[in-house]
């Protein structure tokens, strides 16, 4: 009898956690991201970066009711992402960028920054030329994880896209990794020749 009751209770719990047609309620259904977010109504300063109105700030939820769109900005210490409005970019390190995503692993201090689609950098220097050559996002380690500004003294570039990554115990392919090591050495050397950025110009492109 107790065994039957126990199985029945487990079934009820399982049904409660899969209330959306079989997908876990905690994770959300249809791939829905339940993370709390806030849309900035005006230009704002976020982790040392000036962002334009309508920028989406995503946070790590601190309790189960804290999900989806919020009516006010949450604590910056819980920020996990910055996404600029459509057809909008800011110049970050001379590159038009549209998104910053904090590393998912909290033990890793840093973020990934993504070049903006449809924009081109008009500037040219050793750092930018190397970034453009890999045509992808940069993975950046930070000494101070709360400063996402373009501040070379706080930054170390550890990857560009999927093919150029810092050497690790999982590295496979010595020749390719040697090339990645050389790329990272050069781009970090070029990075340290640049000053900290003070202003973040906003760029727009028309809808097509």
N, C-alpha and C. Protein backbone atom coordinates (compact mmCIF):
# COMPACT_ATOMS: atom_id res chain seq x y z
N UNK A 1 0.83 -1.20 0.00
CA UNK A 1 0.00 0.00 0.00
C UNK A 1 0.87 1.25 0.00
N UNK A 2 1.89 1.26 0.89
CA UNK A 2 2.78 2.41 0.96
C UNK A 2 3.53 2.60 -0.35
N UNK A 3 3.87 1.44 -0.97
CA UNK A 3 4.60 1.51 -2.23
C UNK A 3 3.73 2.15 -3.31
N UNK A 4 2.45 1.75 -3.35
CA UNK A 4 1.52 2.31 -4.34
C UNK A 4 1.34 3.80 -4.11
N UNK A 5 1.20 4.20 -2.83
CA UNK A 5 1.03 5.62 -2.49
C UNK A 5 2.26 6.43 -2.92
N UNK A 6 3.42 5.82 -2.67
CA UNK A 6 4.67 6.51 -3.03
C UNK A 6 4.77 6.73 -4.52
N UNK A 7 4.41 5.70 -5.31
CA UNK A 7 4.46 5.83 -6.76
C UNK A 7 3.47 6.88 -7.26
N UNK A 8 2.29 6.91 -6.62
CA UNK A 8 1.29 7.90 -7.00
C UNK A 8 1.77 9.31 -6.72
N UNK A 9 2.43 9.50 -5.59
CA UNK A 9 2.95 10.82 -5.22
C UNK A 9 4.03 11.27 -6.20
N UNK A 10 4.91 10.33 -6.57
CA UNK A 10 5.95 10.66 -7.54
C UNK A 10 5.36 11.05 -8.88
N UNK A 11 4.27 10.38 -9.27
CA UNK A 11 3.62 10.70 -10.54
C UNK A 11 3.05 12.10 -10.53
N UNK A 12 2.43 12.48 -9.38
CA UNK A 12 1.86 13.83 -9.26
C UNK A 12 2.95 14.89 -9.33
N UNK A 13 4.07 14.63 -8.66
CA UNK A 13 5.19 15.58 -8.69
C UNK A 13 5.71 15.72 -10.11
N UNK A 14 5.84 14.57 -10.80
CA UNK A 14 6.34 14.59 -12.17
C UNK A 14 5.41 15.37 -13.08
N UNK A 15 4.09 15.19 -12.89
CA UNK A 15 3.12 15.92 -13.70
C UNK A 15 3.22 17.41 -13.44
N UNK A 16 3.44 17.78 -12.18
CA UNK A 16 3.55 19.20 -11.84
C UNK A 16 4.75 19.85 -12.45
N UNK A 17 5.87 19.09 -12.56
CA UNK A 17 7.10 19.65 -13.11
C UNK A 17 7.10 19.64 -14.63
N UNK A 18 6.13 18.93 -15.23
CA UNK A 18 6.05 18.90 -16.69
C UNK A 18 4.69 19.40 -17.14
N UNK A 19 4.29 20.54 -16.57
CA UNK A 19 2.96 21.06 -16.83
C UNK A 19 2.77 21.54 -18.25
N UNK A 20 3.84 21.77 -18.98
CA UNK A 20 3.73 22.32 -20.34
C UNK A 20 3.91 21.22 -21.37
N UNK A 21 3.11 20.21 -21.33
CA UNK A 21 3.16 19.19 -22.36
C UNK A 21 4.43 18.37 -22.37
N UNK A 22 4.97 18.07 -21.19
CA UNK A 22 6.09 17.16 -21.12
C UNK A 22 7.45 17.79 -20.95
N UNK A 23 7.57 19.14 -20.99
CA UNK A 23 8.88 19.75 -20.78
C UNK A 23 8.97 20.24 -19.35
N UNK A 24 10.17 20.26 -18.78
CA UNK A 24 10.33 20.67 -17.39
C UNK A 24 9.83 22.08 -17.15
N UNK A 25 9.01 22.26 -16.15
CA UNK A 25 8.44 23.57 -15.84
C UNK A 25 9.53 24.54 -15.43
N UNK A 26 10.55 24.04 -14.70
CA UNK A 26 11.62 24.91 -14.22
C UNK A 26 12.38 25.51 -15.40
N UNK A 27 12.62 24.71 -16.43
CA UNK A 27 13.40 25.18 -17.58
C UNK A 27 12.57 26.00 -18.55
N UNK A 28 11.24 25.83 -18.50
CA UNK A 28 10.40 26.53 -19.45
C UNK A 28 10.11 25.66 -20.66
N UNK A 29 9.03 25.97 -21.39
CA UNK A 29 8.62 25.16 -22.52
C UNK A 29 9.02 25.79 -23.84
N UNK A 30 9.14 24.94 -24.84
CA UNK A 30 9.48 25.37 -26.19
C UNK A 30 10.76 26.18 -26.23
N UNK A 31 11.68 25.86 -25.33
CA UNK A 31 12.96 26.56 -25.32
C UNK A 31 12.87 27.98 -24.79
N UNK A 32 11.76 28.34 -24.16
CA UNK A 32 11.58 29.70 -23.66
C UNK A 32 12.59 30.02 -22.57
N UNK A 33 13.25 31.15 -22.70
CA UNK A 33 14.18 31.61 -21.67
C UNK A 33 13.38 32.41 -20.64
N UNK A 34 13.32 31.90 -19.43
CA UNK A 34 12.54 32.55 -18.38
C UNK A 34 13.35 33.58 -17.60
N UNK A 35 14.58 33.83 -18.02
CA UNK A 35 15.44 34.77 -17.29
C UNK A 35 14.80 36.15 -17.21
N UNK A 36 14.93 36.81 -16.07
CA UNK A 36 14.41 38.18 -15.96
C UNK A 36 15.22 39.13 -16.83
N UNK A 37 14.53 40.10 -17.43
CA UNK A 37 15.24 41.08 -18.24
C UNK A 37 14.56 42.44 -18.12
N UNK A 38 15.31 43.47 -18.48
CA UNK A 38 14.81 44.84 -18.41
C UNK A 38 15.21 45.56 -19.69
N UNK A 39 14.27 46.31 -20.27
CA UNK A 39 14.54 47.11 -21.46
C UNK A 39 14.78 48.55 -21.03
N UNK A 40 15.96 49.06 -21.30
CA UNK A 40 16.30 50.41 -20.83
C UNK A 40 15.45 51.46 -21.55
N UNK A 41 14.80 52.38 -20.81
CA UNK A 41 13.97 53.41 -21.44
C UNK A 41 14.80 54.58 -21.97
N UNK A 42 16.04 54.68 -21.53
CA UNK A 42 16.91 55.78 -21.94
C UNK A 42 18.35 55.30 -21.94
N UNK A 43 19.25 56.13 -22.42
CA UNK A 43 20.67 55.78 -22.40
C UNK A 43 21.10 55.50 -20.97
N UNK A 44 21.88 54.44 -20.79
CA UNK A 44 22.25 54.01 -19.45
C UNK A 44 23.71 53.60 -19.41
N UNK A 45 24.27 53.61 -18.21
CA UNK A 45 25.63 53.13 -17.97
C UNK A 45 25.52 51.76 -17.32
N UNK A 46 26.07 50.74 -17.97
CA UNK A 46 25.97 49.37 -17.47
C UNK A 46 27.35 48.72 -17.50
N UNK A 47 27.84 48.36 -16.34
CA UNK A 47 29.17 47.73 -16.22
C UNK A 47 30.25 48.51 -16.97
N UNK A 48 30.17 49.82 -16.86
CA UNK A 48 31.19 50.67 -17.46
C UNK A 48 30.98 50.98 -18.92
N UNK A 49 29.86 50.52 -19.50
CA UNK A 49 29.56 50.75 -20.92
C UNK A 49 28.31 51.61 -21.05
N UNK A 50 28.36 52.60 -21.93
CA UNK A 50 27.17 53.40 -22.23
C UNK A 50 26.35 52.66 -23.28
N UNK A 51 25.08 52.39 -22.97
CA UNK A 51 24.21 51.68 -23.91
C UNK A 51 23.01 52.56 -24.25
N UNK A 52 22.46 52.43 -25.46
CA UNK A 52 21.34 53.27 -25.90
C UNK A 52 20.00 52.80 -25.34
N UNK A 53 18.95 53.62 -25.51
CA UNK A 53 17.60 53.19 -25.12
C UNK A 53 17.21 51.90 -25.84
N UNK A 54 16.33 51.14 -25.21
CA UNK A 54 15.80 49.88 -25.75
C UNK A 54 16.82 48.74 -25.74
N UNK A 55 17.90 48.91 -24.97
CA UNK A 55 18.86 47.82 -24.78
C UNK A 55 18.28 46.81 -23.80
N UNK A 56 18.45 45.53 -24.10
CA UNK A 56 17.93 44.46 -23.23
C UNK A 56 19.01 44.00 -22.27
N UNK A 57 18.73 44.13 -20.97
CA UNK A 57 19.64 43.67 -19.93
C UNK A 57 19.07 42.40 -19.32
N UNK A 58 19.82 41.31 -19.39
CA UNK A 58 19.36 40.02 -18.86
C UNK A 58 20.08 39.70 -17.57
N UNK A 59 19.36 39.11 -16.63
CA UNK A 59 19.90 38.84 -15.30
C UNK A 59 19.72 37.38 -14.91
N UNK A 60 20.50 36.97 -13.93
CA UNK A 60 20.31 35.66 -13.31
C UNK A 60 19.20 35.80 -12.28
N UNK A 61 18.18 34.96 -12.37
CA UNK A 61 17.04 35.04 -11.46
C UNK A 61 17.47 34.72 -10.03
N UNK A 62 16.95 35.49 -9.07
CA UNK A 62 17.29 35.29 -7.67
C UNK A 62 16.20 34.56 -6.90
N UNK A 63 15.01 34.42 -7.49
CA UNK A 63 13.95 33.61 -6.89
C UNK A 63 12.96 33.21 -7.98
N UNK A 64 12.12 32.22 -7.70
CA UNK A 64 11.33 31.59 -8.76
C UNK A 64 10.31 32.53 -9.40
N UNK A 65 9.93 33.61 -8.72
CA UNK A 65 8.96 34.54 -9.29
C UNK A 65 9.64 35.62 -10.15
N UNK A 66 10.95 35.66 -10.12
CA UNK A 66 11.70 36.68 -10.85
C UNK A 66 12.01 36.15 -12.25
N UNK A 67 11.12 36.41 -13.19
CA UNK A 67 11.28 35.89 -14.54
C UNK A 67 10.65 36.83 -15.56
N UNK A 68 11.09 36.69 -16.81
CA UNK A 68 10.59 37.49 -17.92
C UNK A 68 10.81 39.00 -17.68
N UNK A 69 10.05 39.84 -18.37
CA UNK A 69 10.32 41.28 -18.35
C UNK A 69 10.03 41.91 -16.99
N UNK A 70 10.95 42.78 -16.57
CA UNK A 70 10.85 43.47 -15.29
C UNK A 70 10.51 44.94 -15.51
N UNK A 71 9.95 45.58 -14.50
CA UNK A 71 9.56 46.99 -14.60
C UNK A 71 10.69 47.93 -14.21
N UNK A 72 11.77 47.38 -13.70
CA UNK A 72 12.92 48.21 -13.31
C UNK A 72 14.20 47.38 -13.45
N UNK A 73 15.31 48.06 -13.52
CA UNK A 73 16.59 47.36 -13.61
C UNK A 73 16.85 46.60 -12.32
N UNK A 74 17.42 45.41 -12.44
CA UNK A 74 17.76 44.60 -11.27
C UNK A 74 19.20 44.89 -10.86
N UNK A 75 19.69 44.20 -9.86
CA UNK A 75 21.05 44.45 -9.37
C UNK A 75 22.07 44.11 -10.45
N UNK A 76 22.98 45.05 -10.68
CA UNK A 76 23.97 44.87 -11.74
C UNK A 76 24.87 43.68 -11.48
N UNK A 77 25.06 43.31 -10.22
CA UNK A 77 25.91 42.17 -9.90
C UNK A 77 25.34 40.87 -10.45
N UNK A 78 24.03 40.85 -10.77
CA UNK A 78 23.39 39.64 -11.30
C UNK A 78 23.21 39.69 -12.82
N UNK A 79 23.80 40.71 -13.46
CA UNK A 79 23.69 40.84 -14.91
C UNK A 79 24.41 39.70 -15.63
N UNK A 80 23.78 39.15 -16.65
CA UNK A 80 24.41 38.07 -17.44
C UNK A 80 24.52 38.41 -18.92
N UNK A 81 23.83 39.45 -19.36
CA UNK A 81 23.90 39.76 -20.79
C UNK A 81 23.42 41.16 -21.13
N UNK A 82 23.98 41.70 -22.20
CA UNK A 82 23.57 42.99 -22.75
C UNK A 82 23.32 42.77 -24.24
N UNK A 83 22.12 43.12 -24.71
CA UNK A 83 21.79 42.98 -26.14
C UNK A 83 21.25 44.31 -26.64
N UNK A 84 21.91 44.88 -27.62
CA UNK A 84 21.47 46.15 -28.17
C UNK A 84 20.24 45.97 -29.05
N UNK A 85 19.48 47.06 -29.28
CA UNK A 85 18.30 46.96 -30.13
C UNK A 85 18.67 46.54 -31.55
N UNK A 86 17.69 46.07 -32.28
CA UNK A 86 17.91 45.66 -33.66
C UNK A 86 18.44 46.82 -34.49
N UNK A 87 19.36 46.53 -35.39
CA UNK A 87 19.96 47.52 -36.28
C UNK A 87 20.73 48.61 -35.54
N UNK A 88 21.23 48.25 -34.36
CA UNK A 88 21.98 49.20 -33.53
C UNK A 88 23.25 48.53 -33.03
N UNK A 89 24.31 49.31 -32.95
CA UNK A 89 25.58 48.80 -32.43
C UNK A 89 26.27 49.92 -31.67
N UNK A 90 27.25 49.55 -30.85
CA UNK A 90 28.14 50.53 -30.25
C UNK A 90 29.56 50.19 -30.67
N UNK A 91 30.40 51.20 -30.73
CA UNK A 91 31.81 50.96 -31.01
C UNK A 91 32.50 50.56 -29.72
N UNK A 92 33.02 49.35 -29.68
CA UNK A 92 33.71 48.81 -28.51
C UNK A 92 35.07 48.33 -28.98
N UNK A 93 36.11 49.04 -28.58
CA UNK A 93 37.44 48.70 -29.08
C UNK A 93 37.61 48.98 -30.55
N UNK A 94 36.76 49.86 -31.11
CA UNK A 94 36.82 50.17 -32.53
C UNK A 94 35.97 49.26 -33.40
N UNK A 95 35.37 48.22 -32.80
CA UNK A 95 34.54 47.27 -33.53
C UNK A 95 33.06 47.51 -33.20
N UNK A 96 32.18 47.62 -34.22
CA UNK A 96 30.75 47.68 -33.92
C UNK A 96 30.29 46.35 -33.32
N UNK A 97 29.73 46.40 -32.12
CA UNK A 97 29.29 45.18 -31.44
C UNK A 97 27.82 45.32 -31.04
N UNK A 98 27.16 44.17 -30.86
CA UNK A 98 25.73 44.20 -30.56
C UNK A 98 25.33 43.40 -29.33
N UNK A 99 26.28 42.61 -28.77
CA UNK A 99 25.87 41.74 -27.67
C UNK A 99 27.06 41.36 -26.81
N UNK A 100 26.81 41.28 -25.50
CA UNK A 100 27.79 40.81 -24.52
C UNK A 100 27.12 39.72 -23.70
N UNK A 101 27.75 38.56 -23.58
CA UNK A 101 27.19 37.45 -22.81
C UNK A 101 28.22 36.99 -21.79
N UNK A 102 27.85 37.02 -20.52
CA UNK A 102 28.75 36.56 -19.46
C UNK A 102 28.96 35.05 -19.57
N UNK A 103 30.16 34.59 -19.21
CA UNK A 103 30.42 33.15 -19.20
C UNK A 103 29.40 32.45 -18.31
N UNK A 104 28.89 31.31 -18.78
CA UNK A 104 27.90 30.57 -18.01
C UNK A 104 28.48 30.00 -16.72
N UNK A 105 29.75 29.63 -16.76
CA UNK A 105 30.42 29.08 -15.57
C UNK A 105 30.82 30.23 -14.66
N UNK A 106 30.23 30.33 -13.46
CA UNK A 106 30.55 31.45 -12.56
C UNK A 106 32.00 31.48 -12.12
N UNK A 107 32.69 30.35 -12.23
CA UNK A 107 34.10 30.31 -11.84
C UNK A 107 34.98 31.00 -12.88
N UNK A 108 34.44 31.19 -14.08
CA UNK A 108 35.18 31.87 -15.15
C UNK A 108 34.78 33.34 -15.19
N UNK A 109 35.71 34.21 -14.95
CA UNK A 109 35.42 35.64 -14.89
C UNK A 109 35.59 36.25 -16.28
N UNK A 110 34.48 36.59 -16.91
CA UNK A 110 34.60 37.20 -18.22
C UNK A 110 33.33 37.10 -19.03
N UNK A 111 33.45 37.43 -20.31
CA UNK A 111 32.28 37.44 -21.19
C UNK A 111 32.72 37.21 -22.63
N UNK A 112 31.73 37.03 -23.49
CA UNK A 112 31.96 36.95 -24.93
C UNK A 112 31.29 38.16 -25.57
N UNK A 113 32.00 38.84 -26.47
CA UNK A 113 31.46 40.01 -27.15
C UNK A 113 31.31 39.68 -28.63
N UNK A 114 30.16 40.09 -29.21
CA UNK A 114 29.81 39.69 -30.58
C UNK A 114 29.79 40.89 -31.52
N UNK A 115 30.53 40.83 -32.63
CA UNK A 115 30.45 41.89 -33.64
C UNK A 115 29.03 42.02 -34.17
N UNK A 116 28.63 43.24 -34.50
CA UNK A 116 27.27 43.49 -34.96
C UNK A 116 27.11 43.09 -36.43
N UNK A 117 26.05 42.40 -36.72
CA UNK A 117 25.74 41.97 -38.09
C UNK A 117 25.38 43.18 -38.95
N UNK A 118 25.97 43.27 -40.12
CA UNK A 118 25.63 44.34 -41.05
C UNK A 118 26.41 45.62 -40.87
N UNK A 119 27.31 45.65 -39.90
CA UNK A 119 28.14 46.84 -39.66
C UNK A 119 29.59 46.51 -40.01
N UNK A 120 30.33 47.54 -40.40
CA UNK A 120 31.76 47.37 -40.68
C UNK A 120 32.56 48.38 -39.87
N UNK A 121 33.69 47.94 -39.38
CA UNK A 121 34.58 48.84 -38.66
C UNK A 121 35.39 49.66 -39.66
N UNK A 122 35.34 50.98 -39.49
CA UNK A 122 36.10 51.86 -40.37
C UNK A 122 37.50 52.10 -39.83
N UNK A 123 37.75 51.69 -38.61
CA UNK A 123 39.05 51.90 -38.00
C UNK A 123 40.00 50.75 -38.34
N UNK A 124 41.29 51.02 -38.17
CA UNK A 124 42.29 49.99 -38.47
C UNK A 124 43.48 50.12 -37.54
N UNK A 125 43.80 49.04 -36.86
CA UNK A 125 45.02 48.94 -36.06
C UNK A 125 45.33 47.45 -35.92
N UNK A 126 46.45 47.13 -35.29
CA UNK A 126 46.86 45.72 -35.21
C UNK A 126 45.82 44.87 -34.50
N UNK A 127 45.25 45.39 -33.42
CA UNK A 127 44.24 44.65 -32.67
C UNK A 127 43.00 44.37 -33.53
N UNK A 128 42.47 45.43 -34.16
CA UNK A 128 41.26 45.28 -34.96
C UNK A 128 41.49 44.38 -36.17
N UNK A 129 42.64 44.51 -36.79
CA UNK A 129 42.93 43.69 -37.97
C UNK A 129 42.96 42.20 -37.61
N UNK A 130 43.49 41.88 -36.44
CA UNK A 130 43.51 40.48 -36.00
C UNK A 130 42.09 40.00 -35.67
N UNK A 131 41.32 40.85 -35.00
CA UNK A 131 39.93 40.48 -34.67
C UNK A 131 39.14 40.24 -35.96
N UNK A 132 39.27 41.17 -36.91
CA UNK A 132 38.55 41.02 -38.18
C UNK A 132 38.96 39.74 -38.91
N UNK A 133 40.22 39.36 -38.78
CA UNK A 133 40.72 38.19 -39.51
C UNK A 133 40.09 36.89 -39.05
N UNK A 134 39.65 36.83 -37.80
CA UNK A 134 39.01 35.58 -37.33
C UNK A 134 37.50 35.63 -37.51
N UNK A 135 36.96 36.81 -37.83
CA UNK A 135 35.56 36.97 -38.21
C UNK A 135 34.59 36.34 -37.21
N UNK A 136 34.82 36.59 -35.92
CA UNK A 136 33.94 35.97 -34.94
C UNK A 136 33.96 36.74 -33.62
N UNK A 137 33.30 36.15 -32.64
CA UNK A 137 33.21 36.74 -31.31
C UNK A 137 34.52 36.55 -30.55
N UNK A 138 34.76 37.45 -29.58
CA UNK A 138 35.94 37.34 -28.73
C UNK A 138 35.55 36.84 -27.35
N UNK A 139 36.31 35.89 -26.83
CA UNK A 139 36.15 35.43 -25.44
C UNK A 139 37.18 36.15 -24.60
N UNK A 140 36.72 36.83 -23.55
CA UNK A 140 37.60 37.71 -22.79
C UNK A 140 37.56 37.39 -21.31
N UNK A 141 38.74 37.17 -20.73
CA UNK A 141 38.88 37.00 -19.28
C UNK A 141 39.08 38.37 -18.67
N UNK A 142 38.47 38.60 -17.50
CA UNK A 142 38.55 39.89 -16.82
C UNK A 142 39.15 39.75 -15.43
N UNK A 143 40.02 40.67 -15.09
CA UNK A 143 40.51 40.74 -13.71
C UNK A 143 39.38 41.20 -12.80
N UNK A 144 38.68 42.23 -13.22
CA UNK A 144 37.50 42.72 -12.51
C UNK A 144 36.27 42.36 -13.34
N UNK A 145 35.51 41.33 -12.95
CA UNK A 145 34.40 40.86 -13.78
C UNK A 145 33.23 41.83 -13.87
N UNK A 146 33.24 42.87 -13.06
CA UNK A 146 32.15 43.85 -13.10
C UNK A 146 32.43 45.01 -14.06
N UNK A 147 33.58 44.98 -14.72
CA UNK A 147 33.95 46.03 -15.66
C UNK A 147 33.98 45.45 -17.07
N UNK A 148 32.96 45.76 -17.87
CA UNK A 148 32.88 45.26 -19.24
C UNK A 148 33.30 46.32 -20.25
N UNK A 149 33.85 47.42 -19.77
CA UNK A 149 34.32 48.45 -20.69
C UNK A 149 35.53 47.95 -21.46
N UNK A 150 35.87 48.67 -22.53
CA UNK A 150 37.09 48.32 -23.26
C UNK A 150 38.25 48.91 -22.48
N UNK A 151 38.79 48.08 -21.61
CA UNK A 151 39.85 48.49 -20.68
C UNK A 151 40.97 47.45 -20.75
N UNK A 152 41.93 47.63 -21.64
CA UNK A 152 42.97 46.61 -21.87
C UNK A 152 43.67 46.13 -20.61
N UNK A 153 43.86 47.00 -19.61
CA UNK A 153 44.55 46.58 -18.39
C UNK A 153 43.74 45.58 -17.59
N UNK A 154 42.44 45.45 -17.90
CA UNK A 154 41.55 44.53 -17.18
C UNK A 154 41.27 43.26 -17.98
N UNK A 155 41.82 43.18 -19.20
CA UNK A 155 41.40 42.15 -20.14
C UNK A 155 42.51 41.22 -20.60
N UNK A 156 42.12 39.98 -20.87
CA UNK A 156 42.97 39.03 -21.58
C UNK A 156 42.09 38.26 -22.56
N UNK A 157 42.42 38.30 -23.82
CA UNK A 157 41.64 37.59 -24.83
C UNK A 157 42.06 36.13 -24.84
N UNK A 158 41.07 35.25 -24.71
CA UNK A 158 41.36 33.81 -24.62
C UNK A 158 40.75 33.00 -25.75
N UNK A 159 40.09 33.68 -26.67
CA UNK A 159 39.53 32.95 -27.80
C UNK A 159 38.88 33.87 -28.81
N UNK A 160 38.79 33.38 -30.04
CA UNK A 160 38.05 34.08 -31.10
C UNK A 160 37.31 33.02 -31.89
N UNK A 161 35.99 32.97 -31.73
CA UNK A 161 35.20 31.93 -32.37
C UNK A 161 35.49 30.56 -31.78
N UNK A 162 35.15 29.52 -32.52
CA UNK A 162 35.33 28.16 -31.99
C UNK A 162 36.70 27.57 -32.31
N UNK A 163 37.37 28.10 -33.33
CA UNK A 163 38.63 27.49 -33.76
C UNK A 163 39.86 28.04 -33.06
N UNK A 164 39.74 29.23 -32.49
CA UNK A 164 40.88 29.83 -31.80
C UNK A 164 40.55 29.93 -30.32
N UNK A 165 41.11 29.03 -29.53
CA UNK A 165 40.84 28.99 -28.10
C UNK A 165 42.14 28.75 -27.35
N UNK A 166 42.15 29.20 -26.10
CA UNK A 166 43.32 29.01 -25.26
C UNK A 166 43.63 27.52 -25.09
N UNK A 167 44.90 27.18 -25.05
CA UNK A 167 45.33 25.79 -24.89
C UNK A 167 44.81 25.23 -23.56
N UNK A 168 44.38 23.99 -23.58
CA UNK A 168 43.90 23.33 -22.37
C UNK A 168 44.23 21.84 -22.45
N UNK A 169 43.86 21.11 -21.39
CA UNK A 169 44.11 19.67 -21.37
C UNK A 169 43.28 18.94 -22.43
N UNK A 170 42.25 19.62 -22.96
CA UNK A 170 41.40 18.99 -23.96
C UNK A 170 41.83 19.34 -25.39
N UNK A 171 42.93 20.07 -25.52
CA UNK A 171 43.41 20.50 -26.83
C UNK A 171 43.68 19.29 -27.74
N UNK A 172 43.19 19.38 -28.97
CA UNK A 172 43.39 18.30 -29.93
C UNK A 172 43.91 18.91 -31.24
N UNK A 173 45.04 18.45 -31.70
CA UNK A 173 45.62 18.99 -32.94
C UNK A 173 46.70 20.00 -32.63
N UNK A 174 47.94 19.54 -32.56
CA UNK A 174 49.05 20.40 -32.11
C UNK A 174 49.30 21.56 -33.07
N UNK A 175 49.27 21.31 -34.37
CA UNK A 175 49.55 22.36 -35.34
C UNK A 175 48.52 23.48 -35.24
N UNK A 176 47.24 23.10 -35.23
CA UNK A 176 46.18 24.11 -35.14
C UNK A 176 46.28 24.88 -33.83
N UNK A 177 46.60 24.17 -32.74
CA UNK A 177 46.70 24.85 -31.45
C UNK A 177 47.89 25.80 -31.41
N UNK A 178 48.99 25.42 -32.05
CA UNK A 178 50.15 26.32 -32.13
C UNK A 178 49.77 27.61 -32.86
N UNK A 179 48.97 27.48 -33.90
CA UNK A 179 48.51 28.66 -34.64
C UNK A 179 47.59 29.51 -33.77
N UNK A 180 46.73 28.86 -33.00
CA UNK A 180 45.84 29.59 -32.09
C UNK A 180 46.65 30.31 -31.01
N UNK A 181 47.65 29.63 -30.48
CA UNK A 181 48.52 30.24 -29.46
C UNK A 181 49.18 31.51 -30.00
N UNK A 182 49.67 31.43 -31.24
CA UNK A 182 50.35 32.58 -31.85
C UNK A 182 49.37 33.73 -32.09
N UNK A 183 48.16 33.40 -32.53
CA UNK A 183 47.13 34.42 -32.73
C UNK A 183 46.82 35.13 -31.41
N UNK A 184 46.61 34.35 -30.35
CA UNK A 184 46.27 34.94 -29.05
C UNK A 184 47.43 35.77 -28.51
N UNK A 185 48.65 35.32 -28.73
CA UNK A 185 49.81 36.11 -28.29
C UNK A 185 49.83 37.46 -28.99
N UNK A 186 49.61 37.45 -30.30
CA UNK A 186 49.66 38.68 -31.08
C UNK A 186 48.51 39.63 -30.73
N UNK A 187 47.29 39.09 -30.60
CA UNK A 187 46.15 39.98 -30.36
C UNK A 187 46.21 40.56 -28.94
N UNK A 188 46.70 39.80 -27.98
CA UNK A 188 46.84 40.35 -26.63
C UNK A 188 47.95 41.39 -26.57
N UNK A 189 49.01 41.16 -27.30
CA UNK A 189 50.10 42.14 -27.37
C UNK A 189 49.58 43.44 -28.00
N UNK A 190 48.81 43.33 -29.08
CA UNK A 190 48.24 44.51 -29.74
C UNK A 190 47.23 45.20 -28.83
N UNK A 191 46.44 44.42 -28.10
CA UNK A 191 45.45 44.97 -27.18
C UNK A 191 46.09 45.88 -26.15
N UNK A 192 47.21 45.46 -25.61
CA UNK A 192 47.85 46.22 -24.54
C UNK A 192 48.48 47.52 -25.02
N UNK A 193 48.52 47.74 -26.32
CA UNK A 193 49.02 49.00 -26.86
C UNK A 193 47.93 50.07 -26.93
N UNK A 194 46.68 49.67 -26.65
CA UNK A 194 45.55 50.59 -26.79
C UNK A 194 45.13 51.18 -25.45
N UNK A 195 44.59 52.40 -25.46
CA UNK A 195 44.14 53.03 -24.22
C UNK A 195 42.75 52.55 -23.82
N UNK A 196 42.38 52.82 -22.60
CA UNK A 196 41.02 52.54 -22.14
C UNK A 196 40.05 53.44 -22.90
N UNK A 197 38.95 52.88 -23.34
CA UNK A 197 37.96 53.64 -24.09
C UNK A 197 37.10 54.47 -23.15
N UNK A 198 36.85 55.72 -23.52
CA UNK A 198 36.08 56.62 -22.68
C UNK A 198 34.64 56.78 -23.15
N UNK A 199 34.42 56.76 -24.45
CA UNK A 199 33.08 56.97 -25.01
C UNK A 199 32.71 55.80 -25.92
N UNK A 200 31.40 55.55 -26.02
CA UNK A 200 30.90 54.42 -26.80
C UNK A 200 29.86 54.92 -27.82
N UNK A 201 30.34 55.40 -28.98
CA UNK A 201 29.42 55.92 -30.00
C UNK A 201 28.39 54.88 -30.42
N UNK A 202 27.16 55.36 -30.61
CA UNK A 202 26.06 54.49 -31.04
C UNK A 202 25.94 54.57 -32.56
N UNK A 203 25.82 53.42 -33.20
CA UNK A 203 25.68 53.34 -34.65
C UNK A 203 24.31 52.76 -34.99
N UNK A 204 23.73 53.26 -36.08
CA UNK A 204 22.43 52.75 -36.53
C UNK A 204 22.51 52.42 -38.01
N UNK A 205 21.71 51.46 -38.42
CA UNK A 205 21.54 51.20 -39.85
C UNK A 205 20.06 51.09 -40.15
N UNK A 206 19.66 51.49 -41.35
CA UNK A 206 18.25 51.50 -41.70
C UNK A 206 17.76 50.09 -41.94
N UNK A 207 16.45 49.89 -41.73
CA UNK A 207 15.83 48.59 -42.01
C UNK A 207 15.86 48.33 -43.51
N UNK A 208 16.11 47.07 -43.85
CA UNK A 208 16.15 46.72 -45.27
C UNK A 208 14.88 45.99 -45.65
